[in-house]
Protein backbone atom coordinates (compact mmCIF):
# COMPACT_ATOMS: atom_id res chain seq x y z
CA MET A 1 95.65 126.06 184.64
CA GLU A 2 95.20 123.55 181.82
CA ALA A 3 91.61 122.65 180.94
CA GLU A 4 90.67 119.04 181.60
CA ARG A 5 89.89 117.01 178.48
CA LYS A 6 87.40 114.18 178.42
CA GLN A 7 88.29 111.38 176.02
CA ILE A 8 85.44 109.70 174.16
CA ILE A 9 86.05 106.57 172.09
CA LEU A 10 83.75 106.29 169.06
CA PRO A 11 83.44 103.76 166.23
CA MET A 12 85.30 104.92 163.10
CA GLU A 13 82.09 105.15 161.05
CA GLU A 14 80.67 107.62 163.58
CA ILE A 15 83.90 109.63 163.55
CA LEU A 16 83.84 109.77 159.74
CA GLY A 17 80.21 110.94 159.79
CA GLN A 18 80.96 113.69 162.30
CA MET A 19 84.06 114.70 160.35
CA ALA A 20 82.08 114.93 157.07
CA GLN A 21 79.40 117.02 158.77
CA ALA A 22 81.98 119.40 160.25
CA PHE A 23 83.73 119.77 156.88
CA ASP A 24 80.41 120.37 155.06
CA GLN A 25 79.75 123.23 157.48
CA GLY A 26 83.20 124.73 156.85
CA GLY A 27 84.54 123.59 160.20
CA SER A 28 87.27 121.30 161.46
CA TYR A 29 87.46 118.08 163.46
CA CYS A 30 89.82 117.24 166.35
CA LEU A 31 91.28 113.80 166.96
CA VAL A 32 93.56 112.55 169.70
CA VAL A 33 96.62 110.84 168.24
CA THR A 34 96.49 107.09 168.95
CA GLY A 35 99.23 105.54 166.79
CA ARG A 36 102.99 105.79 167.00
CA SER A 37 103.80 106.52 163.34
CA MET A 38 104.29 110.26 164.03
CA SER A 39 106.52 109.78 167.11
CA PRO A 40 108.41 111.52 168.53
CA THR A 41 106.74 114.65 167.10
CA LEU A 42 103.22 113.56 168.06
CA LYS A 43 102.72 111.18 170.96
CA PRO A 44 99.70 108.89 171.34
CA GLY A 45 97.26 109.95 174.03
CA ARG A 46 99.09 113.23 174.63
CA ASP A 47 98.68 115.14 171.36
CA MET A 48 95.66 116.18 169.33
CA VAL A 49 95.34 117.22 165.68
CA ARG A 50 92.76 119.52 164.13
CA LEU A 51 91.74 118.23 160.69
CA VAL A 52 90.28 120.42 157.94
CA SER A 53 88.67 119.43 154.66
CA PRO A 54 91.12 118.73 151.83
CA ARG A 55 88.63 120.11 149.28
CA GLY A 56 90.09 123.03 147.36
CA ARG A 57 93.52 122.63 148.95
CA LYS A 58 96.79 121.64 147.38
CA LEU A 59 98.87 119.25 149.42
CA ARG A 60 102.36 120.48 150.19
CA ARG A 61 105.43 118.76 151.51
CA GLY A 62 105.19 118.72 155.31
CA ASP A 63 101.36 118.73 155.47
CA LEU A 64 99.70 116.14 157.72
CA VAL A 65 97.18 113.89 155.98
CA PHE A 66 94.51 111.64 157.50
CA ALA A 67 94.00 108.89 154.93
CA ARG A 68 92.45 105.45 154.48
CA ARG A 69 94.99 102.66 153.96
CA ARG A 70 94.57 100.29 151.00
CA GLN A 71 94.16 97.40 153.47
CA GLY A 72 91.53 99.32 155.44
CA GLY A 73 92.03 101.35 158.56
CA PHE A 74 93.29 104.91 158.70
CA MET A 75 96.57 106.70 159.24
CA LEU A 76 97.85 110.17 159.99
CA HIS A 77 101.09 110.85 158.17
CA ARG A 78 103.22 113.66 156.80
CA VAL A 79 103.57 114.38 153.06
CA VAL A 80 107.22 113.80 152.21
CA LYS A 81 107.04 114.31 148.44
CA ARG A 82 104.59 115.60 145.83
CA LEU A 83 104.06 113.58 142.64
CA PRO A 84 103.58 115.12 139.16
CA GLY A 85 99.98 113.80 138.80
CA GLY A 86 98.86 115.51 142.00
CA GLY A 87 99.43 112.58 144.35
CA ALA A 88 101.77 112.47 147.28
CA VAL A 89 104.20 110.14 149.02
CA LEU A 90 103.40 109.76 152.72
């Protein structure tokens, strides 16, 4: 039998604080997918991702990244290409 999940909606600043605390303690943070940018692989409201700190990790093609957009807001996207200076194309 599948365990029942309770969804809690929090302000982004609170989520970021909890995420930072989890990462500082060497842990991870789970988020329910809400957007459609990763469809059909990840569906909003159905799928969840477990995020880990990027510190000390090298991004690789295919990795999922939770990032702040230049215009504000956040996105979860896949790395499609690595750049020579260490950046990535999402």
